[in-house]
Amino acid sequence: MVFDTFQNDTATLKAFGRDFGGNASVLLTFDVKCDVQFQVKRTTNSAGEEINTFATAFITPKPQLDQLPTYDQWQFEYDGVQYQVERFKRVRYPASSAISHYELELR
């Protein structure tokens, strides 16, 4: 895939959930191939609030990502810095159900 040629970096993606006490706990951790573009962008989060994000990460599809349920929170670690994932978007090929890549809005 042409998209994969631009995936020069590796980052760690973590999925968080809540335990019985309501505390956040890491449920999954895995490495992803990515390309990160730093830019301030005004967007809305899952609660509908307007926020600023500071980077967009483009991630190569992985079987683990395709089958994941929705988690409470995602964290993206890149170059030793941890970012909170505000939006997790699946981008599909035109006229197809196959996933081209994922776009993560980070803050």
C-alpha atoms as a PDB file:
ATOM      1  CA  MET A   1       0.000   0.000   0.000  1.00  0.00           C
ATOM      2  CA  VAL A   2       1.251   3.459  -0.866  1.00  0.00           C
ATOM      3  CA  PHE A   3       0.111   4.805   2.504  1.00  0.00           C
ATOM      4  CA  ASP A   4       2.556   2.510   4.333  1.00  0.00           C
ATOM      5  CA  THR A   5       5.585   4.151   2.678  1.00  0.00           C
ATOM      6  CA  PHE A   6       4.942   7.310   4.740  1.00  0.00           C
ATOM      7  CA  GLN A   7       4.830   5.451   8.052  1.00  0.00           C
ATOM      8  CA  ASN A   8       8.412   6.124   9.170  1.00  0.00           C
ATOM      9  CA  ASP A   9       8.021   6.191  12.943  1.00  0.00           C
ATOM     10  CA  THR A  10       6.885   3.871  15.696  1.00  0.00           C
ATOM     11  CA  ALA A  11       4.735   4.859  18.679  1.00  0.00           C
ATOM     12  CA  THR A  12       2.968   3.076  21.512  1.00  0.00           C
ATOM     13  CA  LEU A  13      -0.815   3.058  21.698  1.00  0.00           C
ATOM     14  CA  LYS A  14      -2.538   2.277  25.005  1.00  0.00           C
ATOM     15  CA  ALA A  15      -6.212   1.584  25.644  1.00  0.00           C
ATOM     16  CA  PHE A  16      -7.619   2.409  29.067  1.00  0.00           C
ATOM     17  CA  GLY A  17     -10.750   1.185  30.788  1.00  0.00           C
ATOM     18  CA  ARG A  18     -12.266   1.477  34.247  1.00  0.00           C
ATOM     19  CA  ASP A  19     -11.998  -1.093  37.001  1.00  0.00           C
ATOM     20  CA  PHE A  20     -14.702  -1.772  39.602  1.00  0.00           C
ATOM     21  CA  GLY A  21     -13.448   1.139  41.725  1.00  0.00           C
ATOM     22  CA  GLY A  22     -13.737   3.562  38.805  1.00  0.00           C
ATOM     23  CA  ASN A  23      -9.977   3.925  38.398  1.00  0.00           C
ATOM     24  CA  ALA A  24      -8.370   4.028  34.963  1.00  0.00           C
ATOM     25  CA  SER A  25      -6.294   0.951  34.114  1.00  0.00           C
ATOM     26  CA  VAL A  26      -4.327  -0.023  31.009  1.00  0.00           C
ATOM     27  CA  LEU A  27      -6.117  -2.806  29.122  1.00  0.00           C
ATOM     28  CA  LEU A  28      -3.972  -3.017  25.974  1.00  0.00           C
ATOM     29  CA  THR A  29      -0.553  -1.773  24.893  1.00  0.00           C
ATOM     30  CA  PHE A  30       0.990  -2.261  21.463  1.00  0.00           C
ATOM     31  CA  ASP A  31       3.345  -0.581  18.998  1.00  0.00           C
ATOM     32  CA  VAL A  32       2.045   1.030  15.810  1.00  0.00           C
ATOM     33  CA  LYS A  33       3.698   2.375  12.663  1.00  0.00           C
ATOM     34  CA  CYS A  34       2.779   6.020  12.256  1.00  0.00           C
ATOM     35  CA  ASP A  35       3.403   9.447  10.816  1.00  0.00           C
ATOM     36  CA  VAL A  36       2.800  12.379  13.169  1.00  0.00           C
ATOM     37  CA  GLN A  37       2.053  15.904  11.953  1.00  0.00           C
ATOM     38  CA  PHE A  38       2.253  18.673  14.556  1.00  0.00           C
ATOM     39  CA  GLN A  39      -0.278  21.466  14.139  1.00  0.00           C
ATOM     40  CA  VAL A  40      -2.767  23.232  16.378  1.00  0.00           C
ATOM     41  CA  LYS A  41      -6.293  22.411  15.291  1.00  0.00           C
ATOM     42  CA  ARG A  42      -9.657  23.381  16.806  1.00  0.00           C
ATOM     43  CA  THR A  43     -12.004  20.380  17.055  1.00  0.00           C
ATOM     44  CA  THR A  44     -14.655  18.846  19.273  1.00  0.00           C
ATOM     45  CA  ASN A  45     -14.100  15.945  21.640  1.00  0.00           C
ATOM     46  CA  SER A  46     -16.451  13.025  22.305  1.00  0.00           C
ATOM     47  CA  ALA A  47     -18.367  15.140  24.863  1.00  0.00           C
ATOM     48  CA  GLY A  48     -19.032  17.827  22.231  1.00  0.00           C
ATOM     49  CA  GLU A  49     -16.700  20.390  23.824  1.00  0.00           C
ATOM     50  CA  GLU A  50     -14.474  22.554  21.630  1.00  0.00           C
ATOM     51  CA  ILE A  51     -10.799  21.853  22.285  1.00  0.00           C
ATOM     52  CA  ASN A  52      -7.382  22.441  20.735  1.00  0.00           C
ATOM     53  CA  THR A  53      -5.418  19.433  19.530  1.00  0.00           C
ATOM     54  CA  PHE A  54      -1.703  19.717  18.889  1.00  0.00           C
ATOM     55  CA  ALA A  55      -0.944  16.844  16.530  1.00  0.00           C
ATOM     56  CA  THR A  56      -2.531  14.352  14.155  1.00  0.00           C
ATOM     57  CA  ALA A  57      -1.189  10.808  13.990  1.00  0.00           C
ATOM     58  CA  PHE A  58      -1.786   8.689  10.896  1.00  0.00           C
ATOM     59  CA  ILE A  59      -1.573   4.998  11.755  1.00  0.00           C
ATOM     60  CA  THR A  60      -1.207   1.935   9.545  1.00  0.00           C
ATOM     61  CA  PRO A  61      -4.088  -0.533  10.052  1.00  0.00           C
ATOM     62  CA  LYS A  62      -3.402  -3.526  12.280  1.00  0.00           C
ATOM     63  CA  PRO A  63      -5.623  -6.527  12.980  1.00  0.00           C
ATOM     64  CA  GLN A  64      -5.635  -5.601  16.696  1.00  0.00           C
ATOM     65  CA  LEU A  65      -7.134  -2.181  15.919  1.00  0.00           C
ATOM     66  CA  ASP A  66      -9.787  -3.496  13.533  1.00  0.00           C
ATOM     67  CA  GLN A  67     -11.359  -5.757  16.149  1.00  0.00           C
ATOM     68  CA  LEU A  68     -11.173  -3.476  19.199  1.00  0.00           C
ATOM     69  CA  PRO A  69     -14.253  -2.488  21.156  1.00  0.00           C
ATOM     70  CA  THR A  70     -14.598   1.133  22.209  1.00  0.00           C
ATOM     71  CA  TYR A  71     -12.481   1.947  25.230  1.00  0.00           C
ATOM     72  CA  ASP A  72     -12.932   4.823  27.680  1.00  0.00           C
ATOM     73  CA  GLN A  73      -9.644   6.466  26.860  1.00  0.00           C
ATOM     74  CA  TRP A  74      -6.664   6.124  24.514  1.00  0.00           C
ATOM     75  CA  GLN A  75      -3.109   7.302  25.057  1.00  0.00           C
ATOM     76  CA  PHE A  76      -0.440   7.742  22.384  1.00  0.00           C
ATOM     77  CA  GLU A  77       3.266   7.801  23.303  1.00  0.00           C
ATOM     78  CA  TYR A  78       5.617   9.255  20.702  1.00  0.00           C
ATOM     79  CA  ASP A  79       9.266  10.297  21.196  1.00  0.00           C
ATOM     80  CA  GLY A  80       8.914   9.930  24.974  1.00  0.00           C
ATOM     81  CA  VAL A  81       5.894  12.255  25.199  1.00  0.00           C
ATOM     82  CA  GLN A  82       2.431  10.981  26.133  1.00  0.00           C
ATOM     83  CA  TYR A  83      -0.571  12.459  24.353  1.00  0.00           C
ATOM     84  CA  GLN A  84      -4.237  11.929  25.044  1.00  0.00           C
ATOM     85  CA  VAL A  85      -6.217  10.736  22.026  1.00  0.00           C
ATOM     86  CA  GLU A  86      -9.253  12.987  21.606  1.00  0.00           C
ATOM     87  CA  ARG A  87     -10.569  11.487  18.363  1.00  0.00           C
ATOM     88  CA  PHE A  88      -9.988   8.036  16.920  1.00  0.00           C
ATOM     89  CA  LYS A  89     -11.168   7.983  13.318  1.00  0.00           C
ATOM     90  CA  ARG A  90     -11.201   5.043  10.908  1.00  0.00           C
ATOM     91  CA  VAL A  91     -10.604   6.121   7.302  1.00  0.00           C
ATOM     92  CA  ARG A  92     -11.887   3.686   4.683  1.00  0.00           C
ATOM     93  CA  TYR A  93     -11.007   3.285   1.028  1.00  0.00           C
ATOM     94  CA  PRO A  94     -13.591   4.872  -1.294  1.00  0.00           C
ATOM     95  CA  ALA A  95     -16.465   2.493  -2.121  1.00  0.00           C
ATOM     96  CA  SER A  96     -15.045  -0.162   0.188  1.00  0.00           C
ATOM     97  CA  SER A  97     -15.364  -1.348   3.753  1.00  0.00           C
ATOM     98  CA  ALA A  98     -11.605  -1.928   4.045  1.00  0.00           C
ATOM     99  CA  ILE A  99      -9.771   0.460   6.361  1.00  0.00           C
ATOM    100  CA  SER A 100      -7.076   2.590   4.709  1.00  0.00           C
ATOM    101  CA  HIS A 101      -5.641   4.079   7.923  1.00  0.00           C
ATOM    102  CA  TYR A 102      -6.529   5.595  11.272  1.00  0.00           C
ATOM    103  CA  GLU A 103      -6.346   9.269  12.199  1.00  0.00           C
ATOM    104  CA  LEU A 104      -5.826  10.194  15.840  1.00  0.00           C
ATOM    105  CA  GLU A 105      -6.272  13.764  17.066  1.00  0.00           C
ATOM    106  CA  LEU A 106      -3.838  14.274  19.960  1.00  0.00           C
ATOM    107  CA  ARG A 107      -3.565  16.711  22.827  1.00  0.00           C
END
